[in-house]
């Protein structure tokens, strides 16, 4: 799965606090995670994961720069 490098700190934090334990632990736990994981998978199988990750990264950069201003 491709995701923007800008999101890496947030992914690491999520894994530390919310994901299941161990190498085979679930990344998305609970009722809010299931639909989101399904949507991400749908985008991946469409072959658009890199394009989506790039756009998502741009949105993150813009949001973070707006907050820092």
PDB file of N, CA and C in Angstrom:
ATOM      1  N   UNK A   1       0.846  -1.166   0.000  1.00  0.00           N
ATOM      2  CA  UNK A   1       0.000   0.000   0.000  1.00  0.00           C
ATOM      3  C   UNK A   1       0.888   1.225   0.000  1.00  0.00           C
ATOM      4  N   UNK A   2       0.633   2.144  -0.876  1.00  0.00           N
ATOM      5  CA  UNK A   2       1.377   3.394  -0.926  1.00  0.00           C
ATOM      6  C   UNK A   2       0.671   4.431  -0.072  1.00  0.00           C
ATOM      7  N   UNK A   3       1.467   5.208   0.652  1.00  0.00           N
ATOM      8  CA  UNK A   3       0.900   6.334   1.379  1.00  0.00           C
ATOM      9  C   UNK A   3       1.955   7.431   1.426  1.00  0.00           C
ATOM     10  N   UNK A   4       1.528   8.685   1.600  1.00  0.00           N
ATOM     11  CA  UNK A   4       2.473   9.795   1.555  1.00  0.00           C
ATOM     12  C   UNK A   4       3.442   9.761   2.728  1.00  0.00           C
ATOM     13  N   UNK A   5       4.689  10.094   2.435  1.00  0.00           N
ATOM     14  CA  UNK A   5       5.729  10.103   3.472  1.00  0.00           C
ATOM     15  C   UNK A   5       5.373  11.081   4.594  1.00  0.00           C
ATOM     16  N   UNK A   6       4.616  12.118   4.277  1.00  0.00           N
ATOM     17  CA  UNK A   6       4.204  13.095   5.282  1.00  0.00           C
ATOM     18  C   UNK A   6       3.349  12.462   6.373  1.00  0.00           C
ATOM     19  N   UNK A   7       2.760  11.344   6.074  1.00  0.00           N
ATOM     20  CA  UNK A   7       1.859  10.681   7.006  1.00  0.00           C
ATOM     21  C   UNK A   7       2.583   9.680   7.912  1.00  0.00           C
ATOM     22  N   UNK A   8       3.846   9.381   7.626  1.00  0.00           N
ATOM     23  CA  UNK A   8       4.578   8.358   8.359  1.00  0.00           C
ATOM     24  C   UNK A   8       4.576   8.557   9.874  1.00  0.00           C
ATOM     25  N   UNK A   9       4.827   9.761  10.402  1.00  0.00           N
ATOM     26  CA  UNK A   9       4.774   9.918  11.867  1.00  0.00           C
ATOM     27  C   UNK A   9       3.401   9.578  12.444  1.00  0.00           C
ATOM     28  N   UNK A  10       2.349   9.938  11.739  1.00  0.00           N
ATOM     29  CA  UNK A  10       0.994   9.642  12.205  1.00  0.00           C
ATOM     30  C   UNK A  10       0.707   8.140  12.141  1.00  0.00           C
ATOM     31  N   UNK A  11       1.198   7.479  11.113  1.00  0.00           N
ATOM     32  CA  UNK A  11       1.004   6.034  10.997  1.00  0.00           C
ATOM     33  C   UNK A  11       1.733   5.322  12.133  1.00  0.00           C
ATOM     34  N   UNK A  12       2.967   5.736  12.401  1.00  0.00           N
ATOM     35  CA  UNK A  12       3.714   5.125  13.503  1.00  0.00           C
ATOM     36  C   UNK A  12       2.998   5.312  14.837  1.00  0.00           C
ATOM     37  N   UNK A  13       2.477   6.506  15.072  1.00  0.00           N
ATOM     38  CA  UNK A  13       1.755   6.762  16.319  1.00  0.00           C
ATOM     39  C   UNK A  13       0.503   5.892  16.399  1.00  0.00           C
ATOM     40  N   UNK A  14      -0.218   5.799  15.295  1.00  0.00           N
ATOM     41  CA  UNK A  14      -1.415   4.957  15.270  1.00  0.00           C
ATOM     42  C   UNK A  14      -1.051   3.510  15.601  1.00  0.00           C
ATOM     43  N   UNK A  15       0.001   3.004  14.969  1.00  0.00           N
ATOM     44  CA  UNK A  15       0.398   1.619  15.204  1.00  0.00           C
ATOM     45  C   UNK A  15       0.772   1.384  16.664  1.00  0.00           C
ATOM     46  N   UNK A  16       1.463   2.359  17.260  1.00  0.00           N
ATOM     47  CA  UNK A  16       1.871   2.219  18.650  1.00  0.00           C
ATOM     48  C   UNK A  16       0.695   2.210  19.616  1.00  0.00           C
ATOM     49  N   UNK A  17      -0.344   2.993  19.315  1.00  0.00           N
ATOM     50  CA  UNK A  17      -1.439   3.170  20.265  1.00  0.00           C
ATOM     51  C   UNK A  17      -2.713   2.398  19.946  1.00  0.00           C
ATOM     52  N   UNK A  18      -2.977   2.123  18.690  1.00  0.00           N
ATOM     53  CA  UNK A  18      -4.289   1.593  18.334  1.00  0.00           C
ATOM     54  C   UNK A  18      -4.270   0.259  17.604  1.00  0.00           C
ATOM     55  N   UNK A  19      -3.168  -0.128  17.002  1.00  0.00           N
ATOM     56  CA  UNK A  19      -3.131  -1.368  16.230  1.00  0.00           C
ATOM     57  C   UNK A  19      -2.968  -2.572  17.153  1.00  0.00           C
ATOM     58  N   UNK A  20      -3.330  -3.720  16.633  1.00  0.00           N
ATOM     59  CA  UNK A  20      -3.157  -4.959  17.375  1.00  0.00           C
ATOM     60  C   UNK A  20      -1.680  -5.270  17.554  1.00  0.00           C
ATOM     61  N   UNK A  21      -1.381  -6.023  18.582  1.00  0.00           N
ATOM     62  CA  UNK A  21       0.014  -6.327  18.912  1.00  0.00           C
ATOM     63  C   UNK A  21       0.621  -7.316  17.921  1.00  0.00           C
ATOM     64  N   UNK A  22       1.917  -7.199  17.739  1.00  0.00           N
ATOM     65  CA  UNK A  22       2.670  -8.156  16.945  1.00  0.00           C
ATOM     66  C   UNK A  22       2.624  -7.906  15.455  1.00  0.00           C
ATOM     67  N   UNK A  23       3.442  -8.683  14.771  1.00  0.00           N
ATOM     68  CA  UNK A  23       3.565  -8.536  13.320  1.00  0.00           C
ATOM     69  C   UNK A  23       2.253  -8.790  12.587  1.00  0.00           C
ATOM     70  N   UNK A  24       1.428  -9.676  13.107  1.00  0.00           N
ATOM     71  CA  UNK A  24       0.167 -10.011  12.460  1.00  0.00           C
ATOM     72  C   UNK A  24      -1.025  -9.273  13.061  1.00  0.00           C
ATOM     73  N   UNK A  25      -0.764  -8.277  13.910  1.00  0.00           N
ATOM     74  CA  UNK A  25      -1.846  -7.515  14.524  1.00  0.00           C
ATOM     75  C   UNK A  25      -2.615  -6.696  13.500  1.00  0.00           C
ATOM     76  N   UNK A  26      -3.886  -6.519  13.762  1.00  0.00           N
ATOM     77  CA  UNK A  26      -4.724  -5.709  12.862  1.00  0.00           C
ATOM     78  C   UNK A  26      -4.354  -4.235  12.980  1.00  0.00           C
ATOM     79  N   UNK A  27      -4.308  -3.561  11.850  1.00  0.00           N
ATOM     80  CA  UNK A  27      -3.967  -2.140  11.832  1.00  0.00           C
ATOM     81  C   UNK A  27      -5.174  -1.290  12.204  1.00  0.00           C
ATOM     82  N   UNK A  28      -6.347  -1.670  11.735  1.00  0.00           N
ATOM     83  CA  UNK A  28      -7.572  -0.924  12.002  1.00  0.00           C
ATOM     84  C   UNK A  28      -8.464  -1.751  12.910  1.00  0.00           C
ATOM     85  N   UNK A  29      -8.571  -1.342  14.151  1.00  0.00           N
ATOM     86  CA  UNK A  29      -9.423  -2.044  15.107  1.00  0.00           C
ATOM     87  C   UNK A  29     -10.669  -1.231  15.401  1.00  0.00           C
ATOM     88  N   UNK A  30     -11.754  -1.895  15.691  1.00  0.00           N
ATOM     89  CA  UNK A  30     -12.976  -1.209  16.084  1.00  0.00           C
ATOM     90  C   UNK A  30     -13.842  -0.850  14.905  1.00  0.00           C
ATOM     91  N   UNK A  31     -15.052  -0.375  15.194  1.00  0.00           N
ATOM     92  CA  UNK A  31     -16.036  -0.117  14.146  1.00  0.00           C
ATOM     93  C   UNK A  31     -15.644   0.998  13.185  1.00  0.00           C
ATOM     94  N   UNK A  32     -14.850   1.961  13.631  1.00  0.00           N
ATOM     95  CA  UNK A  32     -14.475   3.053  12.726  1.00  0.00           C
ATOM     96  C   UNK A  32     -13.410   2.598  11.742  1.00  0.00           C
ATOM     97  N   UNK A  33     -12.600   1.633  12.091  1.00  0.00           N
ATOM     98  CA  UNK A  33     -11.524   1.187  11.218  1.00  0.00           C
ATOM     99  C   UNK A  33     -11.977   0.363  10.041  1.00  0.00           C
ATOM    100  N   UNK A  34     -12.984  -0.445  10.208  1.00  0.00           N
ATOM    101  CA  UNK A  34     -13.373  -1.386   9.169  1.00  0.00           C
ATOM    102  C   UNK A  34     -13.772  -0.716   7.855  1.00  0.00           C
ATOM    103  N   UNK A  35     -14.679   0.251   7.838  1.00  0.00           N
ATOM    104  CA  UNK A  35     -15.029   0.882   6.563  1.00  0.00           C
ATOM    105  C   UNK A  35     -13.844   1.604   5.925  1.00  0.00           C
ATOM    106  N   UNK A  36     -13.033   2.225   6.736  1.00  0.00           N
ATOM    107  CA  UNK A  36     -11.892   2.954   6.192  1.00  0.00           C
ATOM    108  C   UNK A  36     -10.910   1.997   5.525  1.00  0.00           C
ATOM    109  N   UNK A  37     -10.631   0.887   6.175  1.00  0.00           N
ATOM    110  CA  UNK A  37      -9.727  -0.099   5.594  1.00  0.00           C
ATOM    111  C   UNK A  37     -10.285  -0.604   4.267  1.00  0.00           C
ATOM    112  N   UNK A  38     -11.583  -0.808   4.211  1.00  0.00           N
ATOM    113  CA  UNK A  38     -12.201  -1.278   2.973  1.00  0.00           C
ATOM    114  C   UNK A  38     -12.049  -0.250   1.863  1.00  0.00           C
ATOM    115  N   UNK A  39     -12.226   1.024   2.178  1.00  0.00           N
ATOM    116  CA  UNK A  39     -12.073   2.067   1.163  1.00  0.00           C
ATOM    117  C   UNK A  39     -10.639   2.132   0.649  1.00  0.00           C
ATOM    118  N   UNK A  40      -9.677   2.030   1.549  1.00  0.00           N
ATOM    119  CA  UNK A  40      -8.280   2.050   1.134  1.00  0.00           C
ATOM    120  C   UNK A  40      -8.000   0.876   0.212  1.00  0.00           C
ATOM    121  N   UNK A  41      -8.509  -0.296   0.563  1.00  0.00           N
ATOM    122  CA  UNK A  41      -8.303  -1.474  -0.283  1.00  0.00           C
ATOM    123  C   UNK A  41      -8.914  -1.273  -1.660  1.00  0.00           C
ATOM    124  N   UNK A  42     -10.103  -0.717  -1.732  1.00  0.00           N
ATOM    125  CA  UNK A  42     -10.746  -0.487  -3.023  1.00  0.00           C
ATOM    126  C   UNK A  42      -9.893   0.408  -3.896  1.00  0.00           C
ATOM    127  N   UNK A  43      -9.306   1.444  -3.321  1.00  0.00           N
ATOM    128  CA  UNK A  43      -8.446   2.325  -4.105  1.00  0.00           C
ATOM    129  C   UNK A  43      -7.198   1.592  -4.575  1.00  0.00           C
ATOM    130  N   UNK A  44      -6.659   0.728  -3.749  1.00  0.00           N
ATOM    131  CA  UNK A  44      -5.456  -0.022  -4.129  1.00  0.00           C
ATOM    132  C   UNK A  44      -5.729  -0.936  -5.312  1.00  0.00           C
ATOM    133  N   UNK A  45      -6.835  -1.651  -5.277  1.00  0.00           N
ATOM    134  CA  UNK A  45      -7.107  -2.600  -6.351  1.00  0.00           C
ATOM    135  C   UNK A  45      -7.428  -1.895  -7.652  1.00  0.00           C
ATOM    136  N   UNK A  46      -7.771  -0.648  -7.593  1.00  0.00           N
ATOM    137  CA  UNK A  46      -7.996   0.112  -8.813  1.00  0.00           C
ATOM    138  C   UNK A  46      -6.685   0.601  -9.419  1.00  0.00           C
ATOM    139  N   UNK A  47      -5.548   0.306  -8.773  1.00  0.00           N
ATOM    140  CA  UNK A  47      -4.258   0.714  -9.301  1.00  0.00           C
ATOM    141  C   UNK A  47      -3.969   2.199  -9.136  1.00  0.00           C
ATOM    142  N   UNK A  48      -4.715   2.853  -8.301  1.00  0.00           N
ATOM    143  CA  UNK A  48      -4.552   4.295  -8.148  1.00  0.00           C
ATOM    144  C   UNK A  48      -3.921   4.661  -6.812  1.00  0.00           C
ATOM    145  N   UNK A  49      -3.359   3.715  -6.085  1.00  0.00           N
ATOM    146  CA  UNK A  49      -2.881   3.980  -4.731  1.00  0.00           C
ATOM    147  C   UNK A  49      -1.792   5.040  -4.703  1.00  0.00           C
ATOM    148  N   UNK A  50      -0.892   5.058  -5.667  1.00  0.00           N
ATOM    149  CA  UNK A  50       0.185   6.056  -5.673  1.00  0.00           C
ATOM    150  C   UNK A  50      -0.378   7.451  -5.936  1.00  0.00           C
ATOM    151  N   UNK A  51      -1.290   7.572  -6.879  1.00  0.00           N
ATOM    152  CA  UNK A  51      -1.916   8.865  -7.174  1.00  0.00           C
ATOM    153  C   UNK A  51      -2.680   9.389  -5.960  1.00  0.00           C
ATOM    154  N   UNK A  52      -3.414   8.513  -5.318  1.00  0.00           N
ATOM    155  CA  UNK A  52      -4.172   8.898  -4.128  1.00  0.00           C
ATOM    156  C   UNK A  52      -3.226   9.318  -3.011  1.00  0.00           C
ATOM    157  N   UNK A  53      -2.153   8.555  -2.808  1.00  0.00           N
ATOM    158  CA  UNK A  53      -1.181   8.889  -1.765  1.00  0.00           C
ATOM    159  C   UNK A  53      -0.536  10.245  -2.034  1.00  0.00           C
ATOM    160  N   UNK A  54      -0.211  10.533  -3.289  1.00  0.00           N
ATOM    161  CA  UNK A  54       0.398  11.821  -3.625  1.00  0.00           C
ATOM    162  C   UNK A  54      -0.550  12.985  -3.341  1.00  0.00           C
ATOM    163  N   UNK A  55      -1.796  12.820  -3.708  1.00  0.00           N
ATOM    164  CA  UNK A  55      -2.785  13.880  -3.439  1.00  0.00           C
ATOM    165  C   UNK A  55      -3.029  14.038  -1.944  1.00  0.00           C
ATOM    166  N   UNK A  56      -3.082  12.932  -1.246  1.00  0.00           N
ATOM    167  CA  UNK A  56      -3.269  12.948   0.197  1.00  0.00           C
ATOM    168  C   UNK A  56      -2.091  13.662   0.858  1.00  0.00           C
ATOM    169  N   UNK A  57      -0.878  13.383   0.391  1.00  0.00           N
ATOM    170  CA  UNK A  57       0.314  14.050   0.912  1.00  0.00           C
ATOM    171  C   UNK A  57       0.256  15.559   0.690  1.00  0.00           C
ATOM    172  N   UNK A  58      -0.198  15.978  -0.484  1.00  0.00           N
ATOM    173  CA  UNK A  58      -0.323  17.406  -0.767  1.00  0.00           C
ATOM    174  C   UNK A  58      -1.327  18.056   0.175  1.00  0.00           C
ATOM    175  N   UNK A  59      -2.423  17.366   0.447  1.00  0.00           N
ATOM    176  CA  UNK A  59      -3.429  17.898   1.366  1.00  0.00           C
ATOM    177  C   UNK A  59      -2.857  18.020   2.779  1.00  0.00           C
ATOM    178  N   UNK A  60      -2.080  17.027   3.200  1.00  0.00           N
ATOM    179  CA  UNK A  60      -1.462  17.067   4.525  1.00  0.00           C
ATOM    180  C   UNK A  60      -0.484  18.233   4.611  1.00  0.00           C
ATOM    181  N   UNK A  61       0.369  18.387   3.588  1.00  0.00           N
ATOM    182  CA  UNK A  61       1.333  19.498   3.594  1.00  0.00           C
ATOM    183  C   UNK A  61       0.624  20.839   3.667  1.00  0.00           C
ATOM    184  N   UNK A  62      -0.456  21.002   2.901  1.00  0.00           N
ATOM    185  CA  UNK A  62      -1.189  22.269   2.896  1.00  0.00           C
ATOM    186  C   UNK A  62      -1.797  22.532   4.273  1.00  0.00           C
ATOM    187  N   UNK A  63      -2.440  21.519   4.851  1.00  0.00           N
ATOM    188  CA  UNK A  63      -3.081  21.659   6.151  1.00  0.00           C
ATOM    189  C   UNK A  63      -2.050  22.020   7.220  1.00  0.00           C
ATOM    190  N   UNK A  64      -0.924  21.328   7.198  1.00  0.00           N
ATOM    191  CA  UNK A  64       0.110  21.589   8.208  1.00  0.00           C
ATOM    192  C   UNK A  64       0.746  22.944   8.023  1.00  0.00           C
ATOM    193  N   UNK A  65       0.892  23.403   6.787  1.00  0.00           N
ATOM    194  CA  UNK A  65       1.471  24.731   6.572  1.00  0.00           C
ATOM    195  C   UNK A  65       0.482  25.809   6.992  1.00  0.00           C
ATOM    196  N   UNK A  66      -0.834  25.554   6.802  1.00  0.00           N
ATOM    197  CA  UNK A  66      -1.845  26.509   7.260  1.00  0.00           C
ATOM    198  C   UNK A  66      -1.842  26.625   8.771  1.00  0.00           C
ATOM    199  N   UNK A  67      -1.628  25.521   9.475  1.00  0.00           N
ATOM    200  CA  UNK A  67      -1.613  25.512  10.930  1.00  0.00           C
ATOM    201  C   UNK A  67      -0.383  26.249  11.448  1.00  0.00           C
ATOM    202  N   UNK A  68       0.768  26.077  10.758  1.00  0.00           N
ATOM    203  CA  UNK A  68       2.009  26.706  11.181  1.00  0.00           C
ATOM    204  C   UNK A  68       2.030  28.207  10.927  1.00  0.00           C
ATOM    205  N   UNK A  69       1.161  28.694  10.040  1.00  0.00           N
ATOM    206  CA  UNK A  69       1.163  30.118   9.670  1.00  0.00           C
ATOM    207  C   UNK A  69       0.605  30.985  10.774  1.00  0.00           C
TER     208      UNK A  69
END
